[in-house]
Amino acid sequence: MTRIQTIDFPLRGEFITLDALLKACGVADSGGAAKAMVAEGKVEVDGQQELRKTCKIRAGQVVAVTGTRIRVQAGP
């Protein structure tokens, strides 16, 4: 059985772009790698495949990538 890693990401501000979120959480090694993951269809936002690299991710949304789930939460 595959174990899924869950990351809680505290959001600063109104939103973060999808590629920046993947890089900030360490899911992608670089911004270019994050953009490639999105372009290849490997990323889901709230259960739906997302192909927009700079999609705005807001508090309450869940981003899933192979083996990792990122829960975006309202920051301080």
PDB file of N, CA and C in Angstrom:
ATOM      1  N   MET A   1       0.840  -1.185   0.000  1.00  0.00           N
ATOM      2  CA  MET A   1       0.000   0.000   0.000  1.00  0.00           C
ATOM      3  C   MET A   1       0.889   1.255   0.000  1.00  0.00           C
ATOM      4  N   THR A   2       0.607   2.177  -0.887  1.00  0.00           N
ATOM      5  CA  THR A   2       1.398   3.385  -1.009  1.00  0.00           C
ATOM      6  C   THR A   2       0.962   4.406   0.039  1.00  0.00           C
ATOM      7  N   ARG A   3       1.935   4.983   0.697  1.00  0.00           N
ATOM      8  CA  ARG A   3       1.650   5.997   1.710  1.00  0.00           C
ATOM      9  C   ARG A   3       1.694   7.371   1.049  1.00  0.00           C
ATOM     10  N   ILE A   4       0.678   8.172   1.307  1.00  0.00           N
ATOM     11  CA  ILE A   4       0.608   9.512   0.737  1.00  0.00           C
ATOM     12  C   ILE A   4       1.077  10.519   1.782  1.00  0.00           C
ATOM     13  N   GLN A   5       2.028  11.334   1.397  1.00  0.00           N
ATOM     14  CA  GLN A   5       2.535  12.383   2.274  1.00  0.00           C
ATOM     15  C   GLN A   5       1.589  13.578   2.191  1.00  0.00           C
ATOM     16  N   THR A   6       1.206  14.110   3.355  1.00  0.00           N
ATOM     17  CA  THR A   6       0.350  15.291   3.388  1.00  0.00           C
ATOM     18  C   THR A   6       1.137  16.471   3.933  1.00  0.00           C
ATOM     19  N   ILE A   7       1.088  17.572   3.210  1.00  0.00           N
ATOM     20  CA  ILE A   7       1.774  18.797   3.608  1.00  0.00           C
ATOM     21  C   ILE A   7       0.716  19.869   3.849  1.00  0.00           C
ATOM     22  N   ASP A   8       0.776  20.511   5.018  1.00  0.00           N
ATOM     23  CA  ASP A   8      -0.097  21.650   5.295  1.00  0.00           C
ATOM     24  C   ASP A   8       0.701  22.916   4.983  1.00  0.00           C
ATOM     25  N   PHE A   9       0.216  23.702   4.039  1.00  0.00           N
ATOM     26  CA  PHE A   9       0.935  24.904   3.606  1.00  0.00           C
ATOM     27  C   PHE A   9       0.191  26.141   4.071  1.00  0.00           C
ATOM     28  N   PRO A  10       0.805  26.937   4.987  1.00  0.00           N
ATOM     29  CA  PRO A  10       0.162  28.176   5.432  1.00  0.00           C
ATOM     30  C   PRO A  10       0.322  29.272   4.374  1.00  0.00           C
ATOM     31  N   LEU A  11      -0.775  29.762   3.870  1.00  0.00           N
ATOM     32  CA  LEU A  11      -0.768  30.750   2.795  1.00  0.00           C
ATOM     33  C   LEU A  11      -0.555  32.150   3.353  1.00  0.00           C
ATOM     34  N   ARG A  12       0.380  32.868   2.769  1.00  0.00           N
ATOM     35  CA  ARG A  12       0.585  34.279   3.110  1.00  0.00           C
ATOM     36  C   ARG A  12       0.032  35.092   1.958  1.00  0.00           C
ATOM     37  N   GLY A  13      -0.957  35.881   2.207  1.00  0.00           N
ATOM     38  CA  GLY A  13      -1.579  36.656   1.137  1.00  0.00           C
ATOM     39  C   GLY A  13      -2.829  35.961   0.629  1.00  0.00           C
ATOM     40  N   GLU A  14      -3.342  36.467  -0.490  1.00  0.00           N
ATOM     41  CA  GLU A  14      -4.608  35.971  -1.037  1.00  0.00           C
ATOM     42  C   GLU A  14      -4.461  34.652  -1.792  1.00  0.00           C
ATOM     43  N   PHE A  15      -3.333  34.475  -2.496  1.00  0.00           N
ATOM     44  CA  PHE A  15      -3.133  33.268  -3.300  1.00  0.00           C
ATOM     45  C   PHE A  15      -1.651  33.033  -3.540  1.00  0.00           C
ATOM     46  N   ILE A  16      -1.334  31.844  -4.084  1.00  0.00           N
ATOM     47  CA  ILE A  16       0.008  31.514  -4.562  1.00  0.00           C
ATOM     48  C   ILE A  16      -0.192  30.795  -5.887  1.00  0.00           C
ATOM     49  N   THR A  17       0.726  31.001  -6.825  1.00  0.00           N
ATOM     50  CA  THR A  17       0.568  30.308  -8.107  1.00  0.00           C
ATOM     51  C   THR A  17       0.930  28.839  -7.931  1.00  0.00           C
ATOM     52  N   LEU A  18       0.355  28.007  -8.751  1.00  0.00           N
ATOM     53  CA  LEU A  18       0.544  26.562  -8.641  1.00  0.00           C
ATOM     54  C   LEU A  18       2.013  26.169  -8.732  1.00  0.00           C
ATOM     55  N   ASP A  19       2.739  26.711  -9.704  1.00  0.00           N
ATOM     56  CA  ASP A  19       4.151  26.347  -9.838  1.00  0.00           C
ATOM     57  C   ASP A  19       4.971  26.793  -8.626  1.00  0.00           C
ATOM     58  N   ALA A  20       4.666  27.967  -8.082  1.00  0.00           N
ATOM     59  CA  ALA A  20       5.381  28.456  -6.893  1.00  0.00           C
ATOM     60  C   ALA A  20       5.078  27.585  -5.677  1.00  0.00           C
ATOM     61  N   LEU A  21       3.848  27.100  -5.566  1.00  0.00           N
ATOM     62  CA  LEU A  21       3.466  26.229  -4.454  1.00  0.00           C
ATOM     63  C   LEU A  21       4.237  24.916  -4.497  1.00  0.00           C
ATOM     64  N   LEU A  22       4.326  24.316  -5.666  1.00  0.00           N
ATOM     65  CA  LEU A  22       5.054  23.053  -5.810  1.00  0.00           C
ATOM     66  C   LEU A  22       6.523  23.219  -5.438  1.00  0.00           C
ATOM     67  N   LYS A  23       7.106  24.335  -5.834  1.00  0.00           N
ATOM     68  CA  LYS A  23       8.506  24.603  -5.492  1.00  0.00           C
ATOM     69  C   LYS A  23       8.652  24.881  -3.995  1.00  0.00           C
ATOM     70  N   ALA A  24       7.771  25.691  -3.432  1.00  0.00           N
ATOM     71  CA  ALA A  24       7.841  26.060  -2.011  1.00  0.00           C
ATOM     72  C   ALA A  24       7.694  24.843  -1.089  1.00  0.00           C
ATOM     73  N   CYS A  25       6.925  23.869  -1.512  1.00  0.00           N
ATOM     74  CA  CYS A  25       6.704  22.667  -0.698  1.00  0.00           C
ATOM     75  C   CYS A  25       7.773  21.600  -0.928  1.00  0.00           C
ATOM     76  N   GLY A  26       8.679  21.838  -1.868  1.00  0.00           N
ATOM     77  CA  GLY A  26       9.738  20.885  -2.139  1.00  0.00           C
ATOM     78  C   GLY A  26       9.315  19.719  -3.008  1.00  0.00           C
ATOM     79  N   VAL A  27       8.134  19.817  -3.616  1.00  0.00           N
ATOM     80  CA  VAL A  27       7.658  18.757  -4.513  1.00  0.00           C
ATOM     81  C   VAL A  27       8.430  18.807  -5.824  1.00  0.00           C
ATOM     82  N   ALA A  28       8.796  20.026  -6.244  1.00  0.00           N
ATOM     83  CA  ALA A  28       9.602  20.230  -7.447  1.00  0.00           C
ATOM     84  C   ALA A  28      10.918  20.881  -7.044  1.00  0.00           C
ATOM     85  N   ASP A  29      12.000  20.482  -7.695  1.00  0.00           N
ATOM     86  CA  ASP A  29      13.320  21.015  -7.372  1.00  0.00           C
ATOM     87  C   ASP A  29      13.517  22.455  -7.837  1.00  0.00           C
ATOM     88  N   SER A  30      12.762  22.858  -8.855  1.00  0.00           N
ATOM     89  CA  SER A  30      12.908  24.208  -9.399  1.00  0.00           C
ATOM     90  C   SER A  30      11.579  24.649  -9.998  1.00  0.00           C
ATOM     91  N   GLY A  31      11.514  25.933 -10.318  1.00  0.00           N
ATOM     92  CA  GLY A  31      10.310  26.443 -10.957  1.00  0.00           C
ATOM     93  C   GLY A  31      10.067  25.788 -12.306  1.00  0.00           C
ATOM     94  N   GLY A  32      11.143  25.542 -13.036  1.00  0.00           N
ATOM     95  CA  GLY A  32      11.024  24.877 -14.337  1.00  0.00           C
ATOM     96  C   GLY A  32      10.497  23.462 -14.206  1.00  0.00           C
ATOM     97  N   ALA A  33      10.974  22.761 -13.180  1.00  0.00           N
ATOM     98  CA  ALA A  33      10.497  21.388 -12.935  1.00  0.00           C
ATOM     99  C   ALA A  33       9.017  21.407 -12.556  1.00  0.00           C
ATOM    100  N   ALA A  34       8.611  22.400 -11.762  1.00  0.00           N
ATOM    101  CA  ALA A  34       7.208  22.521 -11.363  1.00  0.00           C
ATOM    102  C   ALA A  34       6.325  22.761 -12.585  1.00  0.00           C
ATOM    103  N   LYS A  35       6.769  23.655 -13.464  1.00  0.00           N
ATOM    104  CA  LYS A  35       5.996  23.951 -14.671  1.00  0.00           C
ATOM    105  C   LYS A  35       5.889  22.724 -15.564  1.00  0.00           C
ATOM    106  N   ALA A  36       6.957  21.943 -15.642  1.00  0.00           N
ATOM    107  CA  ALA A  36       6.937  20.722 -16.455  1.00  0.00           C
ATOM    108  C   ALA A  36       5.953  19.707 -15.885  1.00  0.00           C
ATOM    109  N   MET A  37       5.913  19.568 -14.559  1.00  0.00           N
ATOM    110  CA  MET A  37       4.978  18.627 -13.919  1.00  0.00           C
ATOM    111  C   MET A  37       3.539  18.988 -14.261  1.00  0.00           C
ATOM    112  N   VAL A  38       3.239  20.284 -14.211  1.00  0.00           N
ATOM    113  CA  VAL A  38       1.880  20.750 -14.523  1.00  0.00           C
ATOM    114  C   VAL A  38       1.575  20.505 -15.998  1.00  0.00           C
ATOM    115  N   ALA A  39       2.517  20.857 -16.870  1.00  0.00           N
ATOM    116  CA  ALA A  39       2.313  20.695 -18.315  1.00  0.00           C
ATOM    117  C   ALA A  39       2.103  19.233 -18.703  1.00  0.00           C
ATOM    118  N   GLU A  40       2.739  18.313 -17.960  1.00  0.00           N
ATOM    119  CA  GLU A  40       2.621  16.880 -18.244  1.00  0.00           C
ATOM    120  C   GLU A  40       1.345  16.275 -17.661  1.00  0.00           C
ATOM    121  N   GLY A  41       0.538  17.082 -16.987  1.00  0.00           N
ATOM    122  CA  GLY A  41      -0.733  16.592 -16.446  1.00  0.00           C
ATOM    123  C   GLY A  41      -0.599  15.785 -15.167  1.00  0.00           C
ATOM    124  N   LYS A  42       0.467  15.992 -14.420  1.00  0.00           N
ATOM    125  CA  LYS A  42       0.712  15.216 -13.200  1.00  0.00           C
ATOM    126  C   LYS A  42       0.108  15.842 -11.946  1.00  0.00           C
ATOM    127  N   VAL A  43      -0.511  17.016 -12.090  1.00  0.00           N
ATOM    128  CA  VAL A  43      -0.993  17.760 -10.923  1.00  0.00           C
ATOM    129  C   VAL A  43      -2.513  17.882 -10.955  1.00  0.00           C
ATOM    130  N   GLU A  44      -3.127  17.686  -9.783  1.00  0.00           N
ATOM    131  CA  GLU A  44      -4.570  17.874  -9.638  1.00  0.00           C
ATOM    132  C   GLU A  44      -4.836  18.943  -8.590  1.00  0.00           C
ATOM    133  N   VAL A  45      -5.846  19.753  -8.839  1.00  0.00           N
ATOM    134  CA  VAL A  45      -6.308  20.743  -7.870  1.00  0.00           C
ATOM    135  C   VAL A  45      -7.758  20.409  -7.556  1.00  0.00           C
ATOM    136  N   ASP A  46      -8.030  20.159  -6.293  1.00  0.00           N
ATOM    137  CA  ASP A  46      -9.379  19.772  -5.846  1.00  0.00           C
ATOM    138  C   ASP A  46      -9.935  18.599  -6.664  1.00  0.00           C
ATOM    139  N   GLY A  47      -9.072  17.632  -6.963  1.00  0.00           N
ATOM    140  CA  GLY A  47      -9.503  16.414  -7.638  1.00  0.00           C
ATOM    141  C   GLY A  47      -9.611  16.495  -9.151  1.00  0.00           C
ATOM    142  N   GLN A  48      -9.291  17.649  -9.730  1.00  0.00           N
ATOM    143  CA  GLN A  48      -9.373  17.833 -11.179  1.00  0.00           C
ATOM    144  C   GLN A  48      -7.988  18.138 -11.741  1.00  0.00           C
ATOM    145  N   GLN A  49      -7.663  17.524 -12.861  1.00  0.00           N
ATOM    146  CA  GLN A  49      -6.369  17.784 -13.503  1.00  0.00           C
ATOM    147  C   GLN A  49      -6.247  19.269 -13.823  1.00  0.00           C
ATOM    148  N   GLU A  50      -5.089  19.842 -13.512  1.00  0.00           N
ATOM    149  CA  GLU A  50      -4.845  21.270 -13.761  1.00  0.00           C
ATOM    150  C   GLU A  50      -3.651  21.425 -14.688  1.00  0.00           C
ATOM    151  N   LEU A  51      -3.848  22.120 -15.800  1.00  0.00           N
ATOM    152  CA  LEU A  51      -2.787  22.305 -16.790  1.00  0.00           C
ATOM    153  C   LEU A  51      -2.279  23.743 -16.845  1.00  0.00           C
ATOM    154  N   ARG A  52      -2.853  24.621 -16.034  1.00  0.00           N
ATOM    155  CA  ARG A  52      -2.407  26.026 -16.011  1.00  0.00           C
ATOM    156  C   ARG A  52      -1.298  26.154 -14.964  1.00  0.00           C
ATOM    157  N   LYS A  53      -0.101  26.474 -15.410  1.00  0.00           N
ATOM    158  CA  LYS A  53       1.063  26.538 -14.513  1.00  0.00           C
ATOM    159  C   LYS A  53       0.931  27.621 -13.459  1.00  0.00           C
ATOM    160  N   THR A  54       0.304  28.730 -13.812  1.00  0.00           N
ATOM    161  CA  THR A  54       0.196  29.842 -12.875  1.00  0.00           C
ATOM    162  C   THR A  54      -1.224  29.995 -12.325  1.00  0.00           C
ATOM    163  N   CYS A  55      -1.941  28.894 -12.259  1.00  0.00           N
ATOM    164  CA  CYS A  55      -3.271  28.874 -11.662  1.00  0.00           C
ATOM    165  C   CYS A  55      -3.174  29.415 -10.232  1.00  0.00           C
ATOM    166  N   LYS A  56      -4.094  30.260  -9.829  1.00  0.00           N
ATOM    167  CA  LYS A  56      -4.079  30.837  -8.482  1.00  0.00           C
ATOM    168  C   LYS A  56      -4.671  29.838  -7.484  1.00  0.00           C
ATOM    169  N   ILE A  57      -3.869  29.470  -6.500  1.00  0.00           N
ATOM    170  CA  ILE A  57      -4.295  28.535  -5.466  1.00  0.00           C
ATOM    171  C   ILE A  57      -4.599  29.330  -4.208  1.00  0.00           C
ATOM    172  N   ARG A  58      -5.798  29.120  -3.665  1.00  0.00           N
ATOM    173  CA  ARG A  58      -6.241  29.870  -2.487  1.00  0.00           C
ATOM    174  C   ARG A  58      -6.447  28.938  -1.296  1.00  0.00           C
ATOM    175  N   ALA A  59      -6.586  29.534  -0.127  1.00  0.00           N
ATOM    176  CA  ALA A  59      -6.811  28.766   1.104  1.00  0.00           C
ATOM    177  C   ALA A  59      -8.031  27.858   0.936  1.00  0.00           C
ATOM    178  N   GLY A  60      -7.912  26.643   1.429  1.00  0.00           N
ATOM    179  CA  GLY A  60      -8.999  25.673   1.354  1.00  0.00           C
ATOM    180  C   GLY A  60      -8.865  24.696   0.197  1.00  0.00           C
ATOM    181  N   GLN A  61      -7.970  24.976  -0.738  1.00  0.00           N
ATOM    182  CA  GLN A  61      -7.798  24.081  -1.878  1.00  0.00           C
ATOM    183  C   GLN A  61      -6.771  22.995  -1.555  1.00  0.00           C
ATOM    184  N   VAL A  62      -6.903  21.868  -2.260  1.00  0.00           N
ATOM    185  CA  VAL A  62      -5.991  20.740  -2.081  1.00  0.00           C
ATOM    186  C   VAL A  62      -5.342  20.442  -3.429  1.00  0.00           C
ATOM    187  N   VAL A  63      -4.005  20.380  -3.412  1.00  0.00           N
ATOM    188  CA  VAL A  63      -3.236  20.093  -4.616  1.00  0.00           C
ATOM    189  C   VAL A  63      -2.620  18.706  -4.447  1.00  0.00           C
ATOM    190  N   ALA A  64      -2.776  17.851  -5.443  1.00  0.00           N
ATOM    191  CA  ALA A  64      -2.238  16.495  -5.374  1.00  0.00           C
ATOM    192  C   ALA A  64      -1.258  16.247  -6.514  1.00  0.00           C
ATOM    193  N   VAL A  65      -0.120  15.678  -6.157  1.00  0.00           N
ATOM    194  CA  VAL A  65       0.907  15.265  -7.107  1.00  0.00           C
ATOM    195  C   VAL A  65       1.289  13.855  -6.672  1.00  0.00           C
ATOM    196  N   THR A  66       1.807  13.056  -7.546  1.00  0.00           N
ATOM    197  CA  THR A  66       2.169  11.677  -7.243  1.00  0.00           C
ATOM    198  C   THR A  66       2.725  11.503  -5.838  1.00  0.00           C
ATOM    199  N   GLY A  67       1.974  10.850  -4.979  1.00  0.00           N
ATOM    200  CA  GLY A  67       2.441  10.535  -3.625  1.00  0.00           C
ATOM    201  C   GLY A  67       2.377  11.664  -2.617  1.00  0.00           C
ATOM    202  N   THR A  68       1.936  12.838  -3.025  1.00  0.00           N
ATOM    203  CA  THR A  68       1.897  13.991  -2.124  1.00  0.00           C
ATOM    204  C   THR A  68       0.591  14.761  -2.268  1.00  0.00           C
ATOM    205  N   ARG A  69       0.047  15.160  -1.133  1.00  0.00           N
ATOM    206  CA  ARG A  69      -1.152  15.997  -1.118  1.00  0.00           C
ATOM    207  C   ARG A  69      -0.817  17.251  -0.319  1.00  0.00           C
ATOM    208  N   ILE A  70      -1.090  18.419  -0.885  1.00  0.00           N
ATOM    209  CA  ILE A  70      -0.806  19.691  -0.228  1.00  0.00           C
ATOM    210  C   ILE A  70      -2.140  20.364   0.103  1.00  0.00           C
ATOM    211  N   ARG A  71      -2.349  20.604   1.408  1.00  0.00           N
ATOM    212  CA  ARG A  71      -3.551  21.311   1.859  1.00  0.00           C
ATOM    213  C   ARG A  71      -3.157  22.756   2.128  1.00  0.00           C
ATOM    214  N   VAL A  72      -3.776  23.660   1.375  1.00  0.00           N
ATOM    215  CA  VAL A  72      -3.450  25.084   1.510  1.00  0.00           C
ATOM    216  C   VAL A  72      -4.379  25.677   2.565  1.00  0.00           C
ATOM    217  N   GLN A  73      -3.762  26.284   3.575  1.00  0.00           N
ATOM    218  CA  GLN A  73      -4.530  26.821   4.698  1.00  0.00           C
ATOM    219  C   GLN A  73      -4.308  28.318   4.810  1.00  0.00           C
ATOM    220  N   ALA A  74      -5.292  29.005   5.374  1.00  0.00           N
ATOM    221  CA  ALA A  74      -5.150  30.436   5.605  1.00  0.00           C
ATOM    222  C   ALA A  74      -3.997  30.672   6.549  1.00  0.00           C
ATOM    223  N   GLY A  75      -3.158  31.630   6.215  1.00  0.00           N
ATOM    224  CA  GLY A  75      -1.985  31.932   7.030  1.00  0.00           C
ATOM    225  C   GLY A  75      -2.311  32.776   8.245  1.00  0.00           C
ATOM    226  N   PRO A  76      -1.282  33.228   8.917  1.00  0.00           N
ATOM    227  CA  PRO A  76      -1.464  34.020  10.148  1.00  0.00           C
ATOM    228  C   PRO A  76      -2.156  35.344   9.925  1.00  0.00           C
TER     229      PRO A  76
END
